[in-house]
Amino acid sequence: LADTALKTANSGYLTRRLVDVAQDLVVTEDDCGTHDGILMTPVIEGGDVKEPLRERVLGRVTAEDILVPGTADILIPRNALLSEKWCDELEANSVDNVKVRSVVSCETDFGVCAKCYGRDLARGHIINRGEAVGVIAAQSIGEPGTQLTMRTFHIGGAASRAAAESSIQVRNK
């Protein structure tokens, strides 16, 4: 028990340090106007798709027009927030890569712009100005560290539910 308490203090300290570093990262404007971004493709390992393109780009903003493969027709315009509907269009047209805007390539002088950040996962729309996204990121990194220390996990989703179900053991008395 004492060992767990010490480890929890260490992971809490990590979270505190992350928050100290990232607390000034705030959404300061709606659009920085950049054309830069990151080219997203599905994650494939050993021939198996580990993470489809849809999951990687959902909630991001396009950095350039996405064309229908093999044509010059615009499927999704630049600066569009990729919603579930747009991701359905990507799959239906077999688009294999998408250039999305990123906080890493944001050209805002102080903080980050809303278009480079993308969707507010809590509310389902583009992030609002003034949102403290640095603190959100720091907590998102720090909390799993604490969970690993405590050996309790709260990650949600179908994969974690399957993992939890597979570890249930029935014991007869």
Protein backbone atom coordinates (compact mmCIF):
# COMPACT_ATOMS: atom_id res chain seq x y z
CA LEU A 1 0.00 0.00 0.00
CA ALA A 2 2.82 2.42 0.85
CA ASP A 3 4.55 1.53 -2.42
CA THR A 4 1.38 2.41 -4.36
CA ALA A 5 1.11 5.72 -2.50
CA LEU A 6 4.69 6.62 -3.44
CA LYS A 7 4.19 5.66 -7.08
CA THR A 8 0.94 7.65 -7.20
CA ALA A 9 2.82 10.68 -5.88
CA ASN A 10 5.38 10.30 -8.68
CA SER A 11 2.71 10.10 -11.39
CA GLY A 12 0.90 13.05 -9.80
CA TYR A 13 4.15 14.98 -9.89
CA LEU A 14 4.51 14.19 -13.60
CA THR A 15 0.98 15.49 -14.23
CA ARG A 16 1.75 18.64 -12.25
CA ARG A 17 4.91 19.27 -14.27
CA LEU A 18 3.06 18.71 -17.56
CA VAL A 19 0.35 21.18 -16.51
CA ASP A 20 3.02 23.73 -15.49
CA VAL A 21 4.61 23.51 -18.94
CA ALA A 22 1.41 23.46 -21.00
CA GLN A 23 -0.89 25.79 -19.05
CA ASP A 24 -0.22 28.75 -21.37
CA LEU A 25 -1.36 26.89 -24.49
CA VAL A 26 -4.78 28.42 -25.13
CA VAL A 27 -6.92 28.79 -28.25
CA THR A 28 -6.32 32.46 -29.10
CA GLU A 29 -7.84 32.85 -32.58
CA ASP A 30 -10.19 31.13 -35.00
CA ASP A 31 -7.84 30.69 -37.98
CA CYS A 32 -4.10 31.30 -38.41
CA GLY A 33 -4.39 30.86 -42.20
CA THR A 34 -1.73 28.17 -42.57
CA HIS A 35 -1.67 25.76 -45.50
CA ASP A 36 0.70 23.40 -43.66
CA GLY A 37 -0.42 20.21 -41.99
CA ILE A 38 0.23 16.52 -41.48
CA LEU A 39 -0.48 13.86 -44.09
CA MET A 40 -2.58 11.18 -42.39
CA THR A 41 -2.75 7.60 -43.64
CA PRO A 42 -4.14 4.44 -42.03
CA VAL A 43 -1.81 2.72 -39.55
CA ILE A 44 -0.93 -0.66 -41.06
CA GLU A 45 1.21 -3.28 -39.30
CA GLY A 46 1.96 -6.63 -40.89
CA GLY A 47 -0.74 -6.16 -43.51
CA ASP A 48 -3.45 -5.51 -40.89
CA VAL A 49 -5.09 -2.10 -40.51
CA LYS A 50 -4.50 -1.19 -36.86
CA GLU A 51 -6.12 2.25 -37.09
CA PRO A 52 -8.23 3.21 -40.12
CA LEU A 53 -7.96 6.64 -41.74
CA ARG A 54 -11.44 7.52 -40.49
CA GLU A 55 -10.39 7.27 -36.83
CA ARG A 56 -7.21 9.28 -37.43
CA VAL A 57 -8.89 12.26 -39.13
CA LEU A 58 -12.30 12.46 -37.43
CA GLY A 59 -12.58 15.86 -35.74
CA ARG A 60 -9.62 17.37 -37.62
CA VAL A 61 -9.71 20.22 -40.17
CA THR A 62 -8.52 19.69 -43.75
CA ALA A 63 -5.35 21.57 -44.75
CA GLU A 64 -6.12 21.36 -48.47
CA ASP A 65 -8.94 20.35 -50.80
CA ILE A 66 -9.50 16.59 -50.87
CA LEU A 67 -10.08 15.38 -54.41
CA VAL A 68 -12.05 12.37 -55.61
CA PRO A 69 -9.28 9.85 -56.48
CA GLY A 70 -8.45 9.89 -60.19
CA THR A 71 -10.30 13.16 -60.88
CA ALA A 72 -9.96 16.89 -60.29
CA ASP A 73 -13.35 17.06 -58.53
CA ILE A 74 -13.29 18.43 -54.98
CA LEU A 75 -14.75 15.93 -52.53
CA ILE A 76 -14.14 17.94 -49.33
CA PRO A 77 -13.03 21.60 -49.36
CA ARG A 78 -10.03 23.04 -47.49
CA ASN A 79 -10.72 24.09 -43.87
CA ALA A 80 -13.65 21.68 -43.47
CA LEU A 81 -14.11 20.05 -40.06
CA LEU A 82 -14.11 16.31 -40.76
CA SER A 83 -17.36 15.08 -39.24
CA GLU A 84 -18.79 11.58 -39.36
CA LYS A 85 -20.56 12.51 -42.63
CA TRP A 86 -17.31 13.63 -44.28
CA CYS A 87 -15.52 10.48 -43.06
CA ASP A 88 -18.27 8.39 -44.68
CA GLU A 89 -17.52 10.23 -47.95
CA LEU A 90 -13.80 9.47 -47.58
CA GLU A 91 -14.54 5.75 -47.16
CA ALA A 92 -17.10 5.67 -49.99
CA ASN A 93 -14.57 7.23 -52.39
CA SER A 94 -11.60 5.10 -51.19
CA VAL A 95 -9.44 8.08 -50.22
CA ASP A 96 -6.20 6.68 -48.78
CA ASN A 97 -4.59 9.83 -47.31
CA VAL A 98 -5.70 13.24 -46.03
CA LYS A 99 -3.65 16.31 -45.17
CA VAL A 100 -5.04 17.79 -41.94
CA ARG A 101 -4.14 20.90 -39.97
CA SER A 102 -2.19 20.37 -36.78
CA VAL A 103 -1.21 22.21 -33.62
CA VAL A 104 2.39 21.39 -34.57
CA SER A 105 2.16 23.40 -37.81
CA CYS A 106 -0.06 26.22 -36.45
CA GLU A 107 1.22 29.71 -37.29
CA THR A 108 -0.52 31.57 -34.45
CA ASP A 109 1.94 33.83 -32.61
CA PHE A 110 0.72 32.96 -29.09
CA GLY A 111 -1.28 29.83 -28.33
CA VAL A 112 -3.02 27.89 -31.07
CA CYS A 113 -5.88 28.56 -33.49
CA ALA A 114 -9.20 26.70 -33.41
CA LYS A 115 -8.86 25.27 -36.94
CA CYS A 116 -5.45 23.72 -36.22
CA TYR A 117 -6.76 22.19 -32.97
CA GLY A 118 -9.99 20.82 -34.47
CA ARG A 119 -13.02 19.40 -32.70
CA ASP A 120 -13.74 19.85 -29.01
CA LEU A 121 -14.23 16.17 -28.13
CA ALA A 122 -16.47 17.03 -25.17
CA ARG A 123 -18.94 19.09 -27.19
CA GLY A 124 -18.64 17.75 -30.75
CA HIS A 125 -17.96 21.06 -32.53
CA ILE A 126 -14.90 23.19 -33.32
CA ILE A 127 -13.05 24.25 -30.17
CA ASN A 128 -13.98 27.64 -28.67
CA ARG A 129 -11.60 30.57 -28.28
CA GLY A 130 -10.15 30.79 -24.78
CA GLU A 131 -10.18 27.02 -24.18
CA ALA A 132 -7.12 25.88 -22.17
CA VAL A 133 -6.10 23.04 -24.49
CA GLY A 134 -2.63 22.70 -22.93
CA VAL A 135 -4.11 21.72 -19.56
CA ILE A 136 -6.48 19.27 -21.28
CA ALA A 137 -3.51 17.65 -23.06
CA ALA A 138 -1.43 17.50 -19.86
CA GLN A 139 -4.25 15.79 -17.95
CA SER A 140 -4.84 13.40 -20.85
CA ILE A 141 -1.20 12.33 -20.69
CA GLY A 142 -0.92 12.28 -16.88
CA GLU A 143 -4.09 10.39 -15.97
CA PRO A 144 -3.14 7.11 -17.71
CA GLY A 145 0.15 7.22 -15.77
CA THR A 146 -1.77 7.36 -12.52
CA GLN A 147 -4.09 4.58 -13.71
CA LEU A 148 -1.10 2.40 -14.56
CA THR A 149 0.29 3.01 -11.08
CA MET A 150 -3.03 2.10 -9.45
CA ARG A 151 -3.55 -0.79 -11.91
CA THR A 152 -7.05 0.52 -12.71
CA PHE A 153 -8.00 1.59 -16.21
CA HIS A 154 -10.77 3.87 -17.47
CA ILE A 155 -10.17 4.12 -21.21
CA GLY A 156 -13.57 3.14 -22.61
CA GLY A 157 -14.36 1.97 -26.12
CA ALA A 158 -15.07 -1.39 -27.71
CA ALA A 159 -11.49 -2.66 -27.47
CA SER A 160 -11.24 -2.03 -23.73
CA ARG A 161 -14.67 -3.54 -23.13
CA ALA A 162 -13.56 -6.71 -24.95
CA ALA A 163 -10.36 -6.82 -22.90
CA ALA A 164 -12.31 -6.44 -19.66
CA GLU A 165 -14.75 -9.19 -20.65
CA SER A 166 -11.95 -11.59 -21.59
CA SER A 167 -10.36 -11.24 -18.15
CA ILE A 168 -13.47 -12.19 -16.16
CA GLN A 169 -13.06 -15.52 -14.39
CA VAL A 170 -15.91 -17.59 -13.01
CA ARG A 171 -15.10 -19.37 -9.77
CA ASN A 172 -17.21 -22.04 -8.13
CA LYS A 173 -17.16 -22.32 -4.35
